[in-house]
Amino acid sequence: MAMYRARQVVAMKKGNVIGDNSIDTVYLTAEKTQDSPFWVNIRVVVQDGKTNQYTQIPLKQNQGYNPTLFLGDFTGDRVEDIMVVMDTGGSGGMINAYVFAYRGRQFRQLFDSDVFNDRFKYRVFYLDYYKVQVNSYTTNQKFIIDLTTRGKEYLSEIYYPNGKLKKPIQGFVSGLSGLYPVDFDRNGTYELLGYQNIAGQYNADRLGYVQTTMKWNGREFAPEVQNVAIFGGDIS
């Protein structure tokens, strides 16, 4: 049976998150499991700088590794929003991530990694002649990854010497493995940059990343740009 330590502050930031021009304090609190870096019962607590009252923001997934806190304006209203990211600890390197904004006298959720993972659909499949195709159905784009940098040992298991596939192989795109605030326009409003692993035959067979830039459009974080980043091979 896991033993938990007393609740402690994991992270703390100050900023104008309530929007009344006072400096509020945002805490990320949690309980740590004994002899482990795993945190449970993670909560966001906001102390109003004007009234000193505390507000708790519940998290849907409230346990994980390395929980972090970021304050920044994602919606363009010059009020800072709250971003929480934590690692799940699974083999796919996935995260849980949330963004909250103060609207109508309460904190509302603007981003949920589970909703993102459900929304963005992909198909990954190997092609003849040392290529992999990634179809992104949410943005209606396809990407082609060249496998020739992977080396003879890897390729000879999958392809005949003439470059034809020995059998059909499907890969997959994992859920979010990274989410980063980036002010691409340098206008003081942050966009979200999401990373998803592209896997070949198994999780550790990494082929690259799908990178999705999302911008708040007044209703949701909508994809603006989607790219695929690949790993380099040795120059020989």
C-alpha atoms as a PDB file:
ATOM      1  CA  MET A   1       0.000   0.000   0.000  1.00  0.00           C
ATOM      2  CA  ALA A   2       1.433   3.382  -1.084  1.00  0.00           C
ATOM      3  CA  MET A   3       2.191   5.835   1.705  1.00  0.00           C
ATOM      4  CA  TYR A   4       1.653   9.538   1.038  1.00  0.00           C
ATOM      5  CA  ARG A   5       3.440  12.457   2.602  1.00  0.00           C
ATOM      6  CA  ALA A   6       1.704  15.646   3.683  1.00  0.00           C
ATOM      7  CA  ARG A   7       0.473  18.003   0.966  1.00  0.00           C
ATOM      8  CA  GLN A   8       3.166  20.341  -0.242  1.00  0.00           C
ATOM      9  CA  VAL A   9       3.627  23.135  -2.763  1.00  0.00           C
ATOM     10  CA  VAL A  10       5.176  21.759  -5.951  1.00  0.00           C
ATOM     11  CA  ALA A  11       5.228  25.065  -7.854  1.00  0.00           C
ATOM     12  CA  MET A  12       4.200  28.673  -7.275  1.00  0.00           C
ATOM     13  CA  LYS A  13       3.804  31.598  -9.690  1.00  0.00           C
ATOM     14  CA  LYS A  14       2.526  35.147  -9.325  1.00  0.00           C
ATOM     15  CA  GLY A  15       0.522  36.959 -11.984  1.00  0.00           C
ATOM     16  CA  ASN A  16      -2.717  38.685 -12.917  1.00  0.00           C
ATOM     17  CA  VAL A  17      -4.924  35.637 -13.544  1.00  0.00           C
ATOM     18  CA  ILE A  18      -8.242  36.989 -12.192  1.00  0.00           C
ATOM     19  CA  GLY A  19      -8.061  40.140 -14.286  1.00  0.00           C
ATOM     20  CA  ASP A  20      -8.633  42.863 -11.670  1.00  0.00           C
ATOM     21  CA  ASN A  21      -5.057  44.147 -12.047  1.00  0.00           C
ATOM     22  CA  SER A  22      -3.992  42.712  -8.695  1.00  0.00           C
ATOM     23  CA  ILE A  23      -1.126  40.228  -8.477  1.00  0.00           C
ATOM     24  CA  ASP A  24      -2.581  36.810  -7.680  1.00  0.00           C
ATOM     25  CA  THR A  25      -0.633  33.788  -6.434  1.00  0.00           C
ATOM     26  CA  VAL A  26      -1.100  30.410  -8.137  1.00  0.00           C
ATOM     27  CA  TYR A  27       0.017  27.261  -6.318  1.00  0.00           C
ATOM     28  CA  LEU A  28       0.390  23.724  -7.596  1.00  0.00           C
ATOM     29  CA  THR A  29       0.021  21.448  -4.557  1.00  0.00           C
ATOM     30  CA  ALA A  30       0.261  17.667  -4.317  1.00  0.00           C
ATOM     31  CA  GLU A  31       1.081  14.692  -2.113  1.00  0.00           C
ATOM     32  CA  LYS A  32       4.196  12.663  -2.888  1.00  0.00           C
ATOM     33  CA  THR A  33       4.272   8.886  -2.707  1.00  0.00           C
ATOM     34  CA  GLN A  34       6.923   7.423  -0.448  1.00  0.00           C
ATOM     35  CA  ASP A  35      10.317   6.723  -2.075  1.00  0.00           C
ATOM     36  CA  SER A  36       8.988   7.767  -5.487  1.00  0.00           C
ATOM     37  CA  PRO A  37       8.862  10.937  -7.639  1.00  0.00           C
ATOM     38  CA  PHE A  38       5.147  10.191  -8.302  1.00  0.00           C
ATOM     39  CA  TRP A  39       2.701  12.886  -7.139  1.00  0.00           C
ATOM     40  CA  VAL A  40      -0.988  12.320  -6.306  1.00  0.00           C
ATOM     41  CA  ASN A  41      -3.968  14.571  -5.563  1.00  0.00           C
ATOM     42  CA  ILE A  42      -2.453  17.390  -7.625  1.00  0.00           C
ATOM     43  CA  ARG A  43      -4.458  20.619  -7.313  1.00  0.00           C
ATOM     44  CA  VAL A  44      -4.300  24.170  -8.581  1.00  0.00           C
ATOM     45  CA  VAL A  45      -5.002  26.757  -5.870  1.00  0.00           C
ATOM     46  CA  VAL A  46      -5.384  30.463  -6.688  1.00  0.00           C
ATOM     47  CA  GLN A  47      -5.098  33.155  -4.034  1.00  0.00           C
ATOM     48  CA  ASP A  48      -6.844  36.370  -5.114  1.00  0.00           C
ATOM     49  CA  GLY A  49      -4.393  39.242  -4.665  1.00  0.00           C
ATOM     50  CA  LYS A  50      -7.192  41.674  -3.882  1.00  0.00           C
ATOM     51  CA  THR A  51      -9.382  39.666  -1.463  1.00  0.00           C
ATOM     52  CA  ASN A  52      -6.832  37.009  -0.335  1.00  0.00           C
ATOM     53  CA  GLN A  53      -9.544  34.366  -0.925  1.00  0.00           C
ATOM     54  CA  TYR A  54      -8.511  30.930  -2.171  1.00  0.00           C
ATOM     55  CA  THR A  55     -10.052  29.096  -5.155  1.00  0.00           C
ATOM     56  CA  GLN A  56      -9.306  25.465  -5.990  1.00  0.00           C
ATOM     57  CA  ILE A  57      -9.307  24.284  -9.611  1.00  0.00           C
ATOM     58  CA  PRO A  58      -9.911  20.527  -9.927  1.00  0.00           C
ATOM     59  CA  LEU A  59      -7.835  18.534 -12.417  1.00  0.00           C
ATOM     60  CA  LYS A  60      -9.390  15.609 -14.275  1.00  0.00           C
ATOM     61  CA  GLN A  61      -6.146  13.619 -14.189  1.00  0.00           C
ATOM     62  CA  ASN A  62      -4.581  14.612 -10.881  1.00  0.00           C
ATOM     63  CA  GLN A  63      -1.561  12.344 -10.539  1.00  0.00           C
ATOM     64  CA  GLY A  64       1.729  12.017 -12.375  1.00  0.00           C
ATOM     65  CA  TYR A  65       5.405  12.888 -12.508  1.00  0.00           C
ATOM     66  CA  ASN A  66       7.066  16.303 -12.707  1.00  0.00           C
ATOM     67  CA  PRO A  67       3.945  18.519 -12.529  1.00  0.00           C
ATOM     68  CA  THR A  68       4.713  22.046 -13.779  1.00  0.00           C
ATOM     69  CA  LEU A  69       2.939  25.392 -13.804  1.00  0.00           C
ATOM     70  CA  PHE A  70       3.038  28.235 -16.370  1.00  0.00           C
ATOM     71  CA  LEU A  71       1.190  31.570 -16.438  1.00  0.00           C
ATOM     72  CA  GLY A  72       0.680  33.389 -19.729  1.00  0.00           C
ATOM     73  CA  ASP A  73      -1.977  35.042 -21.880  1.00  0.00           C
ATOM     74  CA  PHE A  74      -3.295  32.519 -24.419  1.00  0.00           C
ATOM     75  CA  THR A  75      -6.525  34.315 -25.394  1.00  0.00           C
ATOM     76  CA  GLY A  76      -5.319  37.855 -26.093  1.00  0.00           C
ATOM     77  CA  ASP A  77      -7.286  39.561 -23.283  1.00  0.00           C
ATOM     78  CA  ARG A  78      -4.090  40.640 -21.455  1.00  0.00           C
ATOM     79  CA  VAL A  79      -5.026  38.459 -18.476  1.00  0.00           C
ATOM     80  CA  GLU A  80      -2.738  35.548 -17.686  1.00  0.00           C
ATOM     81  CA  ASP A  81      -4.071  32.010 -18.008  1.00  0.00           C
ATOM     82  CA  ILE A  82      -2.929  28.916 -16.095  1.00  0.00           C
ATOM     83  CA  MET A  83      -1.216  25.974 -17.794  1.00  0.00           C
ATOM     84  CA  VAL A  84      -0.506  22.691 -15.975  1.00  0.00           C
ATOM     85  CA  VAL A  85       1.497  19.808 -17.481  1.00  0.00           C
ATOM     86  CA  MET A  86       2.500  16.487 -15.913  1.00  0.00           C
ATOM     87  CA  ASP A  87       4.107  13.276 -17.177  1.00  0.00           C
ATOM     88  CA  THR A  88       2.059  10.073 -17.017  1.00  0.00           C
ATOM     89  CA  GLY A  89       5.142   7.867 -16.688  1.00  0.00           C
ATOM     90  CA  GLY A  90       3.956   5.435 -19.369  1.00  0.00           C
ATOM     91  CA  SER A  91       6.220   3.914 -22.016  1.00  0.00           C
ATOM     92  CA  GLY A  92       4.873   6.267 -24.677  1.00  0.00           C
ATOM     93  CA  GLY A  93       6.149   9.349 -22.826  1.00  0.00           C
ATOM     94  CA  MET A  94       2.679  10.876 -22.745  1.00  0.00           C
ATOM     95  CA  ILE A  95       1.531  13.864 -20.700  1.00  0.00           C
ATOM     96  CA  ASN A  96      -1.652  15.249 -19.191  1.00  0.00           C
ATOM     97  CA  ALA A  97      -2.032  18.979 -19.853  1.00  0.00           C
ATOM     98  CA  TYR A  98      -4.639  21.652 -19.074  1.00  0.00           C
ATOM     99  CA  VAL A  99      -5.141  25.381 -19.641  1.00  0.00           C
ATOM    100  CA  PHE A 100      -7.566  27.404 -17.488  1.00  0.00           C
ATOM    101  CA  ALA A 101      -8.824  30.991 -17.875  1.00  0.00           C
ATOM    102  CA  TYR A 102     -10.883  33.167 -15.531  1.00  0.00           C
ATOM    103  CA  ARG A 103     -14.254  33.768 -17.205  1.00  0.00           C
ATOM    104  CA  GLY A 104     -17.556  34.813 -15.663  1.00  0.00           C
ATOM    105  CA  ARG A 105     -16.279  34.822 -12.063  1.00  0.00           C
ATOM    106  CA  GLN A 106     -14.837  31.320 -12.275  1.00  0.00           C
ATOM    107  CA  PHE A 107     -11.974  29.375 -13.857  1.00  0.00           C
ATOM    108  CA  ARG A 108     -12.945  27.572 -17.061  1.00  0.00           C
ATOM    109  CA  GLN A 109     -10.955  24.913 -18.870  1.00  0.00           C
ATOM    110  CA  LEU A 110      -9.739  25.960 -22.328  1.00  0.00           C
ATOM    111  CA  PHE A 111      -7.533  22.949 -23.129  1.00  0.00           C
ATOM    112  CA  ASP A 112      -7.600  19.295 -22.112  1.00  0.00           C
ATOM    113  CA  SER A 113      -5.031  16.830 -23.476  1.00  0.00           C
ATOM    114  CA  ASP A 114      -7.616  14.005 -23.498  1.00  0.00           C
ATOM    115  CA  VAL A 115      -9.880  16.068 -25.775  1.00  0.00           C
ATOM    116  CA  PHE A 116      -6.904  16.826 -28.028  1.00  0.00           C
ATOM    117  CA  ASN A 117      -5.945  13.144 -28.228  1.00  0.00           C
ATOM    118  CA  ASP A 118      -9.519  12.168 -29.142  1.00  0.00           C
ATOM    119  CA  ARG A 119      -9.792  14.873 -31.774  1.00  0.00           C
ATOM    120  CA  PHE A 120      -6.535  14.391 -33.689  1.00  0.00           C
ATOM    121  CA  LYS A 121      -6.669  11.195 -35.772  1.00  0.00           C
ATOM    122  CA  TYR A 122      -3.822   9.639 -37.751  1.00  0.00           C
ATOM    123  CA  ARG A 123      -2.850   6.634 -39.827  1.00  0.00           C
ATOM    124  CA  VAL A 124       0.782   5.543 -40.155  1.00  0.00           C
ATOM    125  CA  PHE A 125       1.815   2.904 -42.691  1.00  0.00           C
ATOM    126  CA  TYR A 126       4.998   1.720 -44.388  1.00  0.00           C
ATOM    127  CA  LEU A 127       5.406   2.070 -48.157  1.00  0.00           C
ATOM    128  CA  ASP A 128       7.648   0.274 -50.632  1.00  0.00           C
ATOM    129  CA  TYR A 129      11.111   1.738 -51.203  1.00  0.00           C
ATOM    130  CA  TYR A 130      11.920   2.724 -47.609  1.00  0.00           C
ATOM    131  CA  LYS A 131       9.217   5.246 -46.812  1.00  0.00           C
ATOM    132  CA  VAL A 132       6.484   5.743 -44.223  1.00  0.00           C
ATOM    133  CA  GLN A 133       3.316   7.748 -44.835  1.00  0.00           C
ATOM    134  CA  VAL A 134       1.597   9.661 -42.014  1.00  0.00           C
ATOM    135  CA  ASN A 135      -1.982  10.757 -42.700  1.00  0.00           C
ATOM    136  CA  SER A 136      -3.352  13.510 -40.430  1.00  0.00           C
ATOM    137  CA  TYR A 137      -7.128  13.458 -40.861  1.00  0.00           C
ATOM    138  CA  THR A 138      -7.798  16.474 -38.640  1.00  0.00           C
ATOM    139  CA  THR A 139      -5.793  18.779 -40.916  1.00  0.00           C
ATOM    140  CA  ASN A 140      -6.269  16.649 -44.078  1.00  0.00           C
ATOM    141  CA  GLN A 141      -2.532  16.410 -44.745  1.00  0.00           C
ATOM    142  CA  LYS A 142      -0.106  13.615 -45.530  1.00  0.00           C
ATOM    143  CA  PHE A 143       3.597  13.465 -44.665  1.00  0.00           C
ATOM    144  CA  ILE A 144       6.242  11.109 -46.109  1.00  0.00           C
ATOM    145  CA  ILE A 145       9.184   9.996 -43.926  1.00  0.00           C
ATOM    146  CA  ASP A 146      12.316   8.648 -45.632  1.00  0.00           C
ATOM    147  CA  LEU A 147      13.731   5.596 -43.825  1.00  0.00           C
ATOM    148  CA  THR A 148      17.009   5.292 -45.688  1.00  0.00           C
ATOM    149  CA  THR A 149      18.951   6.811 -42.765  1.00  0.00           C
ATOM    150  CA  ARG A 150      17.849   3.960 -40.489  1.00  0.00           C
ATOM    151  CA  GLY A 151      20.591   1.547 -41.556  1.00  0.00           C
ATOM    152  CA  LYS A 152      20.690  -1.830 -43.289  1.00  0.00           C
ATOM    153  CA  GLU A 153      19.864  -3.963 -40.255  1.00  0.00           C
ATOM    154  CA  TYR A 154      16.562  -2.161 -39.610  1.00  0.00           C
ATOM    155  CA  LEU A 155      15.599  -2.018 -43.287  1.00  0.00           C
ATOM    156  CA  SER A 156      16.492  -5.633 -44.095  1.00  0.00           C
ATOM    157  CA  GLU A 157      13.977  -6.888 -41.521  1.00  0.00           C
ATOM    158  CA  ILE A 158      11.175  -4.989 -43.270  1.00  0.00           C
ATOM    159  CA  TYR A 159      12.143  -4.878 -46.954  1.00  0.00           C
ATOM    160  CA  TYR A 160      13.317  -7.299 -49.622  1.00  0.00           C
ATOM    161  CA  PRO A 161      16.587  -6.335 -51.369  1.00  0.00           C
ATOM    162  CA  ASN A 162      14.522  -4.862 -54.237  1.00  0.00           C
ATOM    163  CA  GLY A 163      12.885  -2.353 -51.845  1.00  0.00           C
ATOM    164  CA  LYS A 164       9.500  -4.048 -51.652  1.00  0.00           C
ATOM    165  CA  LEU A 165       7.806  -4.527 -48.274  1.00  0.00           C
ATOM    166  CA  LYS A 166       7.909  -8.071 -46.901  1.00  0.00           C
ATOM    167  CA  LYS A 167       4.494  -7.537 -45.290  1.00  0.00           C
ATOM    168  CA  PRO A 168       2.152  -4.598 -44.562  1.00  0.00           C
ATOM    169  CA  ILE A 169       3.193  -2.670 -41.438  1.00  0.00           C
ATOM    170  CA  GLN A 170       1.106  -0.116 -39.552  1.00  0.00           C
ATOM    171  CA  GLY A 171       2.637   2.394 -37.177  1.00  0.00           C
ATOM    172  CA  PHE A 172       0.858   4.892 -34.949  1.00  0.00           C
ATOM    173  CA  VAL A 173       0.949   8.418 -33.543  1.00  0.00           C
ATOM    174  CA  SER A 174       0.863   8.585 -29.748  1.00  0.00           C
ATOM    175  CA  GLY A 175      -1.081  11.019 -27.627  1.00  0.00           C
ATOM    176  CA  LEU A 176       0.497  14.303 -26.573  1.00  0.00           C
ATOM    177  CA  SER A 177       4.075  13.841 -25.366  1.00  0.00           C
ATOM    178  CA  GLY A 178       4.858  17.555 -25.015  1.00  0.00           C
ATOM    179  CA  LEU A 179       2.969  20.857 -24.852  1.00  0.00           C
ATOM    180  CA  TYR A 180       4.778  24.185 -24.871  1.00  0.00           C
ATOM    181  CA  PRO A 181       3.711  27.849 -24.749  1.00  0.00           C
ATOM    182  CA  VAL A 182       5.335  29.782 -27.618  1.00  0.00           C
ATOM    183  CA  ASP A 183       4.632  33.372 -28.650  1.00  0.00           C
ATOM    184  CA  PHE A 184       5.258  32.851 -32.357  1.00  0.00           C
ATOM    185  CA  ASP A 185       3.850  36.274 -33.342  1.00  0.00           C
ATOM    186  CA  ARG A 186       5.759  38.064 -30.537  1.00  0.00           C
ATOM    187  CA  ASN A 187       2.563  39.966 -29.689  1.00  0.00           C
ATOM    188  CA  GLY A 188       2.287  38.940 -26.032  1.00  0.00           C
ATOM    189  CA  THR A 189      -0.262  36.172 -26.717  1.00  0.00           C
ATOM    190  CA  TYR A 190       0.975  32.599 -26.525  1.00  0.00           C
ATOM    191  CA  GLU A 191       0.170  29.776 -28.912  1.00  0.00           C
ATOM    192  CA  LEU A 192       0.342  26.103 -27.917  1.00  0.00           C
ATOM    193  CA  LEU A 193       2.883  23.823 -29.577  1.00  0.00           C
ATOM    194  CA  GLY A 194       2.024  20.146 -29.183  1.00  0.00           C
ATOM    195  CA  TYR A 195       4.375  17.207 -29.797  1.00  0.00           C
ATOM    196  CA  GLN A 196       3.243  13.649 -30.585  1.00  0.00           C
ATOM    197  CA  ASN A 197       5.562  10.692 -31.134  1.00  0.00           C
ATOM    198  CA  ILE A 198       5.389   8.860 -34.455  1.00  0.00           C
ATOM    199  CA  ALA A 199       6.130   5.187 -33.794  1.00  0.00           C
ATOM    200  CA  GLY A 200       6.861   2.472 -36.326  1.00  0.00           C
ATOM    201  CA  GLN A 201       6.615  -1.157 -35.290  1.00  0.00           C
ATOM    202  CA  TYR A 202       6.540  -0.453 -31.512  1.00  0.00           C
ATOM    203  CA  ASN A 203       6.754   2.466 -29.054  1.00  0.00           C
ATOM    204  CA  ALA A 204      10.545   2.661 -28.948  1.00  0.00           C
ATOM    205  CA  ASP A 205      10.777   2.573 -32.771  1.00  0.00           C
ATOM    206  CA  ARG A 206      10.569   6.362 -33.031  1.00  0.00           C
ATOM    207  CA  LEU A 207      10.292   7.800 -36.533  1.00  0.00           C
ATOM    208  CA  GLY A 208       9.816  11.465 -35.594  1.00  0.00           C
ATOM    209  CA  TYR A 209       7.254  13.863 -34.150  1.00  0.00           C
ATOM    210  CA  VAL A 210       4.040  15.454 -35.307  1.00  0.00           C
ATOM    211  CA  GLN A 211       4.208  19.117 -34.231  1.00  0.00           C
ATOM    212  CA  THR A 212       0.916  21.005 -34.037  1.00  0.00           C
ATOM    213  CA  THR A 213       0.715  24.770 -33.467  1.00  0.00           C
ATOM    214  CA  MET A 214      -2.660  25.813 -32.006  1.00  0.00           C
ATOM    215  CA  LYS A 215      -4.128  29.277 -31.557  1.00  0.00           C
ATOM    216  CA  TRP A 216      -7.113  30.368 -29.463  1.00  0.00           C
ATOM    217  CA  ASN A 217      -9.924  31.447 -31.811  1.00  0.00           C
ATOM    218  CA  GLY A 218     -12.436  32.576 -29.186  1.00  0.00           C
ATOM    219  CA  ARG A 219     -13.947  29.092 -28.758  1.00  0.00           C
ATOM    220  CA  GLU A 220     -11.082  26.591 -28.807  1.00  0.00           C
ATOM    221  CA  PHE A 221      -7.414  26.046 -29.590  1.00  0.00           C
ATOM    222  CA  ALA A 222      -7.566  25.437 -33.343  1.00  0.00           C
ATOM    223  CA  PRO A 223      -4.663  23.971 -35.342  1.00  0.00           C
ATOM    224  CA  GLU A 224      -2.826  26.623 -37.338  1.00  0.00           C
ATOM    225  CA  VAL A 225       0.156  24.685 -38.659  1.00  0.00           C
ATOM    226  CA  GLN A 226       1.116  21.019 -38.526  1.00  0.00           C
ATOM    227  CA  ASN A 227       4.595  19.710 -39.329  1.00  0.00           C
ATOM    228  CA  VAL A 228       6.488  16.444 -39.025  1.00  0.00           C
ATOM    229  CA  ALA A 229      10.003  16.562 -37.550  1.00  0.00           C
ATOM    230  CA  ILE A 230      12.307  13.658 -38.353  1.00  0.00           C
ATOM    231  CA  PHE A 231      15.470  12.352 -36.718  1.00  0.00           C
ATOM    232  CA  GLY A 232      18.783  12.779 -38.521  1.00  0.00           C
ATOM    233  CA  GLY A 233      21.102   9.980 -39.518  1.00  0.00           C
ATOM    234  CA  ASP A 234      24.899   9.920 -39.418  1.00  0.00           C
ATOM    235  CA  ILE A 235      26.724  11.403 -42.406  1.00  0.00           C
ATOM    236  CA  SER A 236      28.814   8.524 -43.717  1.00  0.00           C
END
